[in-house]
Amino acid sequence: MIVRKPLALSLIALAIGAPGLASASSLYHPADGEVGFTTHPDHFQSAMSRADALQAVTVARKDGTLAIIARGGALPVKAMSPSKTREQVQQEYLSMSAAEKQRMKELYSGG
């Protein structure tokens, strides 16, 4: 019984501490206090080379996204597919069944 208790406690401590050991190679580490984390730049390893980073900055400068990010703005989302024309939307609505139209009315009018 005397050996089991310290062994059990050490296994529990290891189980609790194991996730923290996995984050040893990350940039941020949890910390007590108001901030909640500490930064360790020497622990971060990037797969991007310096030349790749400079090329990405040059591309961002040319297309205007660097200026938006520098001012704290949100980048515009690029459309994944071409948008529909007004006529296509109207045709879709006209071809809907009565149940689908009722569902759309409930969904968008709240009633």
N, C-alpha and C. Protein backbone atom coordinates (compact mmCIF):
# COMPACT_ATOMS: atom_id res chain seq x y z
N MET A 1 0.82 -1.19 0.00
CA MET A 1 0.00 0.00 0.00
C MET A 1 0.86 1.25 0.00
N ILE A 2 1.99 1.19 0.72
CA ILE A 2 2.87 2.36 0.82
C ILE A 2 3.51 2.65 -0.54
N VAL A 3 3.83 1.64 -1.32
CA VAL A 3 4.46 1.83 -2.62
C VAL A 3 3.43 2.23 -3.67
N ARG A 4 2.23 1.74 -3.54
CA ARG A 4 1.20 2.00 -4.55
C ARG A 4 0.80 3.47 -4.60
N LYS A 5 0.65 4.11 -3.46
CA LYS A 5 0.19 5.49 -3.42
C LYS A 5 1.16 6.45 -4.11
N PRO A 6 2.47 6.42 -3.80
CA PRO A 6 3.39 7.32 -4.52
C PRO A 6 3.47 6.99 -6.02
N LEU A 7 3.39 5.70 -6.35
CA LEU A 7 3.42 5.32 -7.76
C LEU A 7 2.19 5.84 -8.48
N ALA A 8 1.04 5.69 -7.85
CA ALA A 8 -0.20 6.18 -8.45
C ALA A 8 -0.17 7.69 -8.60
N LEU A 9 0.32 8.39 -7.58
CA LEU A 9 0.40 9.85 -7.65
C LEU A 9 1.36 10.31 -8.74
N SER A 10 2.48 9.62 -8.88
CA SER A 10 3.43 10.01 -9.92
C SER A 10 2.87 9.74 -11.31
N LEU A 11 2.12 8.66 -11.47
CA LEU A 11 1.49 8.38 -12.77
C LEU A 11 0.42 9.41 -13.10
N ILE A 12 -0.33 9.82 -12.10
CA ILE A 12 -1.35 10.86 -12.32
C ILE A 12 -0.67 12.18 -12.69
N ALA A 13 0.41 12.52 -12.01
CA ALA A 13 1.13 13.76 -12.33
C ALA A 13 1.70 13.72 -13.74
N LEU A 14 2.20 12.56 -14.14
CA LEU A 14 2.72 12.42 -15.50
C LEU A 14 1.61 12.56 -16.53
N ALA A 15 0.45 11.98 -16.25
CA ALA A 15 -0.67 12.08 -17.18
C ALA A 15 -1.16 13.52 -17.31
N ILE A 16 -1.14 14.24 -16.22
CA ILE A 16 -1.57 15.65 -16.27
C ILE A 16 -0.53 16.51 -16.96
N GLY A 17 0.74 16.23 -16.75
CA GLY A 17 1.81 17.05 -17.32
C GLY A 17 2.19 16.72 -18.74
N ALA A 18 1.79 15.57 -19.25
CA ALA A 18 2.18 15.15 -20.60
C ALA A 18 1.74 16.10 -21.70
N PRO A 19 0.50 16.63 -21.68
CA PRO A 19 0.13 17.59 -22.74
C PRO A 19 1.00 18.84 -22.74
N GLY A 20 1.45 19.28 -21.57
CA GLY A 20 2.32 20.45 -21.50
C GLY A 20 3.69 20.19 -22.10
N LEU A 21 4.16 18.96 -22.01
CA LEU A 21 5.45 18.62 -22.61
C LEU A 21 5.37 18.63 -24.13
N ALA A 22 4.20 18.33 -24.67
CA ALA A 22 4.03 18.30 -26.12
C ALA A 22 4.12 19.70 -26.72
N SER A 23 3.84 20.73 -25.95
CA SER A 23 3.87 22.10 -26.47
C SER A 23 5.23 22.76 -26.30
N ALA A 24 6.24 22.01 -25.94
CA ALA A 24 7.55 22.61 -25.70
C ALA A 24 8.17 23.21 -26.96
N SER A 25 7.75 22.74 -28.14
CA SER A 25 8.31 23.28 -29.37
C SER A 25 7.44 24.37 -29.98
N SER A 26 6.39 24.80 -29.29
CA SER A 26 5.52 25.83 -29.84
C SER A 26 6.03 27.22 -29.47
N LEU A 27 5.49 28.22 -30.12
CA LEU A 27 5.88 29.61 -29.89
C LEU A 27 5.35 30.12 -28.55
N TYR A 28 4.14 29.71 -28.18
CA TYR A 28 3.49 30.17 -26.95
C TYR A 28 3.43 29.05 -25.93
N HIS A 29 3.64 29.40 -24.67
CA HIS A 29 3.55 28.46 -23.56
C HIS A 29 2.57 29.02 -22.54
N PRO A 30 1.74 28.18 -21.95
CA PRO A 30 0.80 28.68 -20.94
C PRO A 30 1.54 29.22 -19.72
N ALA A 31 0.97 30.24 -19.11
CA ALA A 31 1.58 30.84 -17.92
C ALA A 31 0.48 31.32 -17.00
N ASP A 32 0.80 31.42 -15.72
CA ASP A 32 -0.14 31.95 -14.75
C ASP A 32 -0.18 33.47 -14.89
N GLY A 33 -1.23 34.04 -14.44
CA GLY A 33 -1.33 35.49 -14.44
C GLY A 33 -2.34 36.00 -15.44
N GLU A 34 -2.36 37.30 -15.61
CA GLU A 34 -3.36 37.94 -16.44
C GLU A 34 -3.19 37.65 -17.92
N VAL A 35 -1.97 37.57 -18.39
CA VAL A 35 -1.72 37.35 -19.81
C VAL A 35 -2.11 35.95 -20.22
N GLY A 36 -1.70 34.95 -19.47
CA GLY A 36 -2.08 33.58 -19.76
C GLY A 36 -1.11 32.80 -20.62
N PHE A 37 -0.10 33.48 -21.18
CA PHE A 37 0.89 32.79 -22.00
C PHE A 37 2.19 33.58 -22.01
N THR A 38 3.26 32.89 -22.36
CA THR A 38 4.56 33.54 -22.57
C THR A 38 5.01 33.21 -23.98
N THR A 39 5.77 34.10 -24.57
CA THR A 39 6.25 33.92 -25.94
C THR A 39 7.71 33.50 -25.91
N HIS A 40 8.03 32.47 -26.70
CA HIS A 40 9.41 31.98 -26.81
C HIS A 40 9.76 31.86 -28.29
N PRO A 41 10.24 32.95 -28.93
CA PRO A 41 10.55 32.91 -30.35
C PRO A 41 11.62 31.89 -30.71
N ASP A 42 12.51 31.56 -29.78
CA ASP A 42 13.56 30.61 -30.09
C ASP A 42 13.04 29.17 -30.20
N HIS A 43 11.81 28.92 -29.75
CA HIS A 43 11.23 27.58 -29.85
C HIS A 43 10.50 27.37 -31.18
N PHE A 44 10.26 28.43 -31.92
CA PHE A 44 9.50 28.33 -33.16
C PHE A 44 10.42 27.97 -34.32
N GLN A 45 10.01 26.99 -35.11
CA GLN A 45 10.77 26.59 -36.29
C GLN A 45 9.86 26.70 -37.51
N SER A 46 10.21 27.57 -38.43
CA SER A 46 9.39 27.78 -39.61
C SER A 46 9.89 26.93 -40.77
N ALA A 47 8.94 26.47 -41.58
CA ALA A 47 9.30 25.71 -42.77
C ALA A 47 9.54 26.63 -43.96
N MET A 48 9.20 27.92 -43.80
CA MET A 48 9.36 28.88 -44.89
C MET A 48 10.75 29.51 -44.83
N SER A 49 11.40 29.60 -45.97
CA SER A 49 12.72 30.22 -46.00
C SER A 49 12.59 31.75 -46.06
N ARG A 50 13.67 32.43 -45.82
CA ARG A 50 13.66 33.89 -45.85
C ARG A 50 13.29 34.40 -47.24
N ALA A 51 13.79 33.76 -48.28
CA ALA A 51 13.48 34.17 -49.65
C ALA A 51 11.99 34.01 -49.94
N ASP A 52 11.38 32.92 -49.45
CA ASP A 52 9.95 32.72 -49.64
C ASP A 52 9.14 33.79 -48.92
N ALA A 53 9.57 34.16 -47.72
CA ALA A 53 8.88 35.19 -46.95
C ALA A 53 8.97 36.54 -47.65
N LEU A 54 10.15 36.88 -48.16
CA LEU A 54 10.31 38.15 -48.87
C LEU A 54 9.48 38.19 -50.15
N GLN A 55 9.39 37.05 -50.83
CA GLN A 55 8.58 36.97 -52.04
C GLN A 55 7.10 37.16 -51.70
N ALA A 56 6.65 36.57 -50.59
CA ALA A 56 5.26 36.72 -50.17
C ALA A 56 4.95 38.17 -49.81
N VAL A 57 5.89 38.85 -49.17
CA VAL A 57 5.70 40.27 -48.84
C VAL A 57 5.63 41.11 -50.11
N THR A 58 6.47 40.81 -51.09
CA THR A 58 6.46 41.54 -52.35
C THR A 58 5.13 41.37 -53.07
N VAL A 59 4.62 40.15 -53.10
CA VAL A 59 3.33 39.88 -53.75
C VAL A 59 2.21 40.62 -53.00
N ALA A 60 2.24 40.59 -51.66
CA ALA A 60 1.22 41.27 -50.87
C ALA A 60 1.29 42.78 -51.06
N ARG A 61 2.48 43.31 -51.23
CA ARG A 61 2.64 44.75 -51.46
C ARG A 61 2.04 45.12 -52.82
N LYS A 62 2.28 44.29 -53.83
CA LYS A 62 1.78 44.59 -55.18
C LYS A 62 0.26 44.51 -55.28
N ASP A 63 -0.35 43.51 -54.62
CA ASP A 63 -1.80 43.36 -54.75
C ASP A 63 -2.59 44.16 -53.72
N GLY A 64 -1.91 44.89 -52.82
CA GLY A 64 -2.58 45.79 -51.89
C GLY A 64 -2.95 45.18 -50.55
N THR A 65 -2.76 43.90 -50.37
CA THR A 65 -3.15 43.28 -49.10
C THR A 65 -2.21 43.68 -47.96
N LEU A 66 -0.97 44.00 -48.25
CA LEU A 66 -0.04 44.42 -47.20
C LEU A 66 -0.51 45.73 -46.56
N ALA A 67 -0.99 46.66 -47.37
CA ALA A 67 -1.47 47.94 -46.84
C ALA A 67 -2.71 47.73 -45.97
N ILE A 68 -3.59 46.82 -46.38
CA ILE A 68 -4.80 46.55 -45.60
C ILE A 68 -4.44 45.93 -44.25
N ILE A 69 -3.53 44.95 -44.27
CA ILE A 69 -3.12 44.29 -43.03
C ILE A 69 -2.38 45.26 -42.11
N ALA A 70 -1.55 46.14 -42.68
CA ALA A 70 -0.78 47.09 -41.89
C ALA A 70 -1.69 48.06 -41.14
N ARG A 71 -2.85 48.35 -41.69
CA ARG A 71 -3.81 49.26 -41.05
C ARG A 71 -4.81 48.53 -40.18
N GLY A 72 -4.65 47.20 -40.04
CA GLY A 72 -5.53 46.42 -39.17
C GLY A 72 -6.85 46.07 -39.79
N GLY A 73 -6.95 46.18 -41.10
CA GLY A 73 -8.20 45.86 -41.77
C GLY A 73 -8.35 44.38 -42.06
N ALA A 74 -9.57 43.99 -42.39
CA ALA A 74 -9.84 42.60 -42.75
C ALA A 74 -9.67 42.44 -44.25
N LEU A 75 -9.06 41.34 -44.63
CA LEU A 75 -8.86 41.09 -46.05
C LEU A 75 -10.18 40.71 -46.71
N PRO A 76 -10.44 41.21 -47.89
CA PRO A 76 -11.67 40.82 -48.57
C PRO A 76 -11.63 39.34 -48.96
N VAL A 77 -12.76 38.70 -48.87
CA VAL A 77 -12.85 37.28 -49.21
C VAL A 77 -13.07 37.15 -50.71
N LYS A 78 -12.25 36.34 -51.32
CA LYS A 78 -12.38 36.14 -52.76
C LYS A 78 -13.48 35.12 -53.02
N ALA A 79 -14.31 35.37 -54.01
CA ALA A 79 -15.40 34.46 -54.35
C ALA A 79 -14.83 33.15 -54.88
N MET A 80 -15.40 32.05 -54.41
CA MET A 80 -14.94 30.74 -54.83
C MET A 80 -15.55 30.34 -56.19
N SER A 81 -16.73 30.81 -56.46
CA SER A 81 -17.38 30.51 -57.73
C SER A 81 -18.03 31.78 -58.24
N PRO A 82 -18.31 31.84 -59.53
CA PRO A 82 -18.94 33.04 -60.05
C PRO A 82 -20.33 33.24 -59.44
N SER A 83 -20.65 34.49 -59.14
CA SER A 83 -21.95 34.77 -58.54
C SER A 83 -23.05 34.70 -59.59
N LYS A 84 -24.27 34.59 -59.13
CA LYS A 84 -25.42 34.47 -60.04
C LYS A 84 -25.89 35.85 -60.47
N THR A 85 -26.49 35.90 -61.62
CA THR A 85 -27.08 37.14 -62.09
C THR A 85 -28.45 37.31 -61.46
N ARG A 86 -28.98 38.49 -61.55
CA ARG A 86 -30.32 38.77 -61.01
C ARG A 86 -31.36 37.87 -61.67
N GLU A 87 -31.23 37.70 -62.96
CA GLU A 87 -32.19 36.87 -63.69
C GLU A 87 -32.14 35.41 -63.23
N GLN A 88 -30.94 34.90 -62.93
CA GLN A 88 -30.81 33.52 -62.46
C GLN A 88 -31.48 33.34 -61.10
N VAL A 89 -31.32 34.31 -60.23
CA VAL A 89 -31.94 34.22 -58.90
C VAL A 89 -33.45 34.29 -59.02
N GLN A 90 -33.94 35.20 -59.87
CA GLN A 90 -35.38 35.30 -60.06
C GLN A 90 -35.95 34.01 -60.65
N GLN A 91 -35.24 33.42 -61.60
CA GLN A 91 -35.70 32.18 -62.21
C GLN A 91 -35.72 31.04 -61.18
N GLU A 92 -34.75 31.00 -60.31
CA GLU A 92 -34.73 29.98 -59.25
C GLU A 92 -35.93 30.15 -58.34
N TYR A 93 -36.26 31.38 -57.98
CA TYR A 93 -37.39 31.62 -57.10
C TYR A 93 -38.70 31.22 -57.77
N LEU A 94 -38.82 31.55 -59.03
CA LEU A 94 -40.06 31.22 -59.75
C LEU A 94 -40.22 29.71 -59.94
N SER A 95 -39.12 28.97 -59.97
CA SER A 95 -39.21 27.53 -60.18
C SER A 95 -39.34 26.76 -58.85
N MET A 96 -39.34 27.46 -57.72
CA MET A 96 -39.49 26.79 -56.42
C MET A 96 -40.92 26.33 -56.21
N SER A 97 -41.06 25.28 -55.42
CA SER A 97 -42.40 24.82 -55.06
C SER A 97 -42.98 25.74 -53.99
N ALA A 98 -44.27 25.61 -53.73
CA ALA A 98 -44.93 26.44 -52.72
C ALA A 98 -44.36 26.18 -51.33
N ALA A 99 -44.03 24.93 -51.04
CA ALA A 99 -43.46 24.59 -49.74
C ALA A 99 -42.08 25.24 -49.57
N GLU A 100 -41.28 25.24 -50.63
CA GLU A 100 -39.95 25.86 -50.56
C GLU A 100 -40.07 27.37 -50.37
N LYS A 101 -41.04 27.99 -51.05
CA LYS A 101 -41.24 29.43 -50.90
C LYS A 101 -41.69 29.76 -49.47
N GLN A 102 -42.56 28.92 -48.91
CA GLN A 102 -43.01 29.14 -47.53
C GLN A 102 -41.85 29.00 -46.55
N ARG A 103 -41.02 28.01 -46.78
CA ARG A 103 -39.84 27.80 -45.92
C ARG A 103 -38.90 29.00 -46.01
N MET A 104 -38.67 29.53 -47.21
CA MET A 104 -37.82 30.72 -47.37
C MET A 104 -38.43 31.91 -46.64
N LYS A 105 -39.75 32.06 -46.73
CA LYS A 105 -40.41 33.17 -46.06
C LYS A 105 -40.25 33.06 -44.55
N GLU A 106 -40.42 31.84 -44.01
CA GLU A 106 -40.24 31.63 -42.57
C GLU A 106 -38.80 31.86 -42.14
N LEU A 107 -37.89 31.42 -42.96
CA LEU A 107 -36.48 31.52 -42.63
C LEU A 107 -36.01 32.98 -42.58
N TYR A 108 -36.40 33.78 -43.56
CA TYR A 108 -35.88 35.14 -43.66
C TYR A 108 -36.76 36.21 -43.05
N SER A 109 -38.04 35.92 -42.78
CA SER A 109 -38.90 36.94 -42.17
C SER A 109 -39.13 36.68 -40.69
N GLY A 110 -38.72 35.51 -40.22
CA GLY A 110 -38.90 35.19 -38.81
C GLY A 110 -40.31 34.82 -38.47
N GLY A 111 -41.14 34.60 -39.46
CA GLY A 111 -42.54 34.29 -39.15
C GLY A 111 -42.95 33.08 -39.78
